[in-house]
Amino acid sequence: MGAMYYTALVVELLVLLCFEFGYGVEYIGLIIFLHLGILLSLAGFLYPKTQNKLWAYIAMVGFAFFVPVGLLGMIAMRNKIDKYEKEAFLESLENE
């Protein structure tokens, strides 16, 4: 995974921690929502192992919870998908 993906995850975690420890029970709905976003974003770790686009798309949905910072993660996942598709295409050309 690229640096953009990890940067987006770290920033998401910092935002979550700020809300969780800064406001506590007052924003419990938002905190639960942000936890869900981080859980979905972590699905991006499965994409390089499985190369199943579903995991990348799930991670993108998780990053969408954290706009505008999540856009970094969405771009990183899209770049990773493109990289694997290019490699698969070049490999198919070599096999012909």
C-alpha atoms as a PDB file:
ATOM      1  CA  MET A   1       0.000   0.000   0.000  1.00  0.00           C
ATOM      2  CA  GLY A   2       1.130   3.510  -0.667  1.00  0.00           C
ATOM      3  CA  ALA A   3       1.920   6.333   1.691  1.00  0.00           C
ATOM      4  CA  MET A   4      -1.354   8.085   0.871  1.00  0.00           C
ATOM      5  CA  TYR A   5      -3.343   5.115   2.169  1.00  0.00           C
ATOM      6  CA  TYR A   6      -1.445   5.004   5.453  1.00  0.00           C
ATOM      7  CA  THR A   7      -1.601   8.788   5.838  1.00  0.00           C
ATOM      8  CA  ALA A   8      -5.365   8.760   5.377  1.00  0.00           C
ATOM      9  CA  LEU A   9      -5.752   5.960   7.945  1.00  0.00           C
ATOM     10  CA  VAL A  10      -3.619   7.801  10.509  1.00  0.00           C
ATOM     11  CA  VAL A  11      -5.547  11.049  10.032  1.00  0.00           C
ATOM     12  CA  GLU A  12      -8.858   9.175  10.322  1.00  0.00           C
ATOM     13  CA  LEU A  13      -7.683   7.606  13.557  1.00  0.00           C
ATOM     14  CA  LEU A  14      -6.583  10.993  14.919  1.00  0.00           C
ATOM     15  CA  VAL A  15      -9.969  12.520  14.075  1.00  0.00           C
ATOM     16  CA  LEU A  16     -11.718   9.627  15.795  1.00  0.00           C
ATOM     17  CA  LEU A  17      -9.527   9.929  18.895  1.00  0.00           C
ATOM     18  CA  CYS A  18     -10.117  13.689  19.075  1.00  0.00           C
ATOM     19  CA  PHE A  19     -13.871  13.169  19.085  1.00  0.00           C
ATOM     20  CA  GLU A  20     -13.743  10.174  21.388  1.00  0.00           C
ATOM     21  CA  PHE A  21     -11.561  11.696  24.098  1.00  0.00           C
ATOM     22  CA  GLY A  22     -12.404  15.348  23.508  1.00  0.00           C
ATOM     23  CA  TYR A  23     -16.183  15.193  23.564  1.00  0.00           C
ATOM     24  CA  GLY A  24     -17.064  11.768  24.907  1.00  0.00           C
ATOM     25  CA  VAL A  25     -20.746  10.954  25.240  1.00  0.00           C
ATOM     26  CA  GLU A  26     -21.984  14.170  23.650  1.00  0.00           C
ATOM     27  CA  TYR A  27     -21.150  12.940  20.160  1.00  0.00           C
ATOM     28  CA  ILE A  28     -21.664   9.203  20.624  1.00  0.00           C
ATOM     29  CA  GLY A  29     -23.591   8.894  17.343  1.00  0.00           C
ATOM     30  CA  LEU A  30     -20.787  10.522  15.386  1.00  0.00           C
ATOM     31  CA  ILE A  31     -18.178   8.438  17.189  1.00  0.00           C
ATOM     32  CA  ILE A  32     -19.979   5.205  16.262  1.00  0.00           C
ATOM     33  CA  PHE A  33     -20.254   6.453  12.666  1.00  0.00           C
ATOM     34  CA  LEU A  34     -16.507   7.175  12.587  1.00  0.00           C
ATOM     35  CA  HIS A  35     -15.695   3.741  14.038  1.00  0.00           C
ATOM     36  CA  LEU A  36     -17.671   2.175  11.198  1.00  0.00           C
ATOM     37  CA  GLY A  37     -15.755   4.276   8.679  1.00  0.00           C
ATOM     38  CA  ILE A  38     -12.393   3.154  10.034  1.00  0.00           C
ATOM     39  CA  LEU A  39     -13.451  -0.495  10.054  1.00  0.00           C
ATOM     40  CA  LEU A  40     -14.478  -0.236   6.411  1.00  0.00           C
ATOM     41  CA  SER A  41     -11.259   1.614   5.524  1.00  0.00           C
ATOM     42  CA  LEU A  42      -9.191  -1.189   7.018  1.00  0.00           C
ATOM     43  CA  ALA A  43     -10.645  -3.535   4.385  1.00  0.00           C
ATOM     44  CA  GLY A  44      -8.109  -1.966   2.038  1.00  0.00           C
ATOM     45  CA  PHE A  45      -5.419  -4.139   3.620  1.00  0.00           C
ATOM     46  CA  LEU A  46      -7.113  -7.188   2.102  1.00  0.00           C
ATOM     47  CA  TYR A  47      -7.030  -5.900  -1.474  1.00  0.00           C
ATOM     48  CA  PRO A  48      -3.299  -6.475  -2.229  1.00  0.00           C
ATOM     49  CA  LYS A  49      -3.517 -10.000  -0.839  1.00  0.00           C
ATOM     50  CA  THR A  50      -6.689 -11.083  -2.666  1.00  0.00           C
ATOM     51  CA  GLN A  51      -6.761  -8.659  -5.619  1.00  0.00           C
ATOM     52  CA  ASN A  52     -10.541  -8.720  -5.265  1.00  0.00           C
ATOM     53  CA  LYS A  53     -11.878  -5.269  -6.142  1.00  0.00           C
ATOM     54  CA  LEU A  54     -14.685  -5.640  -3.609  1.00  0.00           C
ATOM     55  CA  TRP A  55     -12.235  -4.998  -0.745  1.00  0.00           C
ATOM     56  CA  ALA A  56     -10.938  -1.849  -2.431  1.00  0.00           C
ATOM     57  CA  TYR A  57     -14.456  -0.530  -2.972  1.00  0.00           C
ATOM     58  CA  ILE A  58     -15.408  -1.268   0.645  1.00  0.00           C
ATOM     59  CA  ALA A  59     -12.320   0.668   1.760  1.00  0.00           C
ATOM     60  CA  MET A  60     -13.337   3.574  -0.480  1.00  0.00           C
ATOM     61  CA  VAL A  61     -16.760   3.666   1.177  1.00  0.00           C
ATOM     62  CA  GLY A  62     -15.028   3.798   4.549  1.00  0.00           C
ATOM     63  CA  PHE A  63     -12.843   6.674   3.407  1.00  0.00           C
ATOM     64  CA  ALA A  64     -15.938   8.546   2.192  1.00  0.00           C
ATOM     65  CA  PHE A  65     -16.988   8.925   5.846  1.00  0.00           C
ATOM     66  CA  PHE A  66     -14.014  11.256   6.359  1.00  0.00           C
ATOM     67  CA  VAL A  67     -14.316  13.773   3.526  1.00  0.00           C
ATOM     68  CA  PRO A  68     -12.062  15.654   2.668  1.00  0.00           C
ATOM     69  CA  VAL A  69      -9.237  13.660   4.294  1.00  0.00           C
ATOM     70  CA  GLY A  70     -10.745  10.392   3.112  1.00  0.00           C
ATOM     71  CA  LEU A  71     -10.221  11.483  -0.480  1.00  0.00           C
ATOM     72  CA  LEU A  72      -6.521  10.672  -0.031  1.00  0.00           C
ATOM     73  CA  GLY A  73      -7.412   7.108   0.845  1.00  0.00           C
ATOM     74  CA  MET A  74      -9.892   6.841  -2.011  1.00  0.00           C
ATOM     75  CA  ILE A  75      -7.262   8.032  -4.481  1.00  0.00           C
ATOM     76  CA  ALA A  76      -4.718   5.605  -3.028  1.00  0.00           C
ATOM     77  CA  MET A  77      -7.102   2.655  -3.416  1.00  0.00           C
ATOM     78  CA  ARG A  78      -7.964   3.682  -6.988  1.00  0.00           C
ATOM     79  CA  ASN A  79      -4.256   3.909  -7.848  1.00  0.00           C
ATOM     80  CA  LYS A  80      -3.679   0.442  -6.384  1.00  0.00           C
ATOM     81  CA  ILE A  81      -6.533  -1.005  -8.477  1.00  0.00           C
ATOM     82  CA  ASP A  82      -5.106   0.632 -11.606  1.00  0.00           C
ATOM     83  CA  LYS A  83      -1.644  -0.738 -10.852  1.00  0.00           C
ATOM     84  CA  TYR A  84      -2.907  -4.323 -10.547  1.00  0.00           C
ATOM     85  CA  GLU A  85      -5.034  -3.995 -13.685  1.00  0.00           C
ATOM     86  CA  LYS A  86      -2.049  -2.693 -15.677  1.00  0.00           C
ATOM     87  CA  GLU A  87       0.129  -5.541 -14.425  1.00  0.00           C
ATOM     88  CA  ALA A  88      -2.533  -8.098 -15.353  1.00  0.00           C
ATOM     89  CA  PHE A  89      -2.927  -6.536 -18.809  1.00  0.00           C
ATOM     90  CA  LEU A  90       0.818  -6.536 -19.481  1.00  0.00           C
ATOM     91  CA  GLU A  91       1.059 -10.123 -18.270  1.00  0.00           C
ATOM     92  CA  SER A  92      -1.737 -11.167 -20.623  1.00  0.00           C
ATOM     93  CA  LEU A  93       0.088  -9.491 -23.524  1.00  0.00           C
ATOM     94  CA  GLU A  94       3.286 -11.370 -22.703  1.00  0.00           C
ATOM     95  CA  ASN A  95       1.446 -14.695 -22.600  1.00  0.00           C
ATOM     96  CA  GLU A  96       0.012 -14.298 -26.091  1.00  0.00           C
END
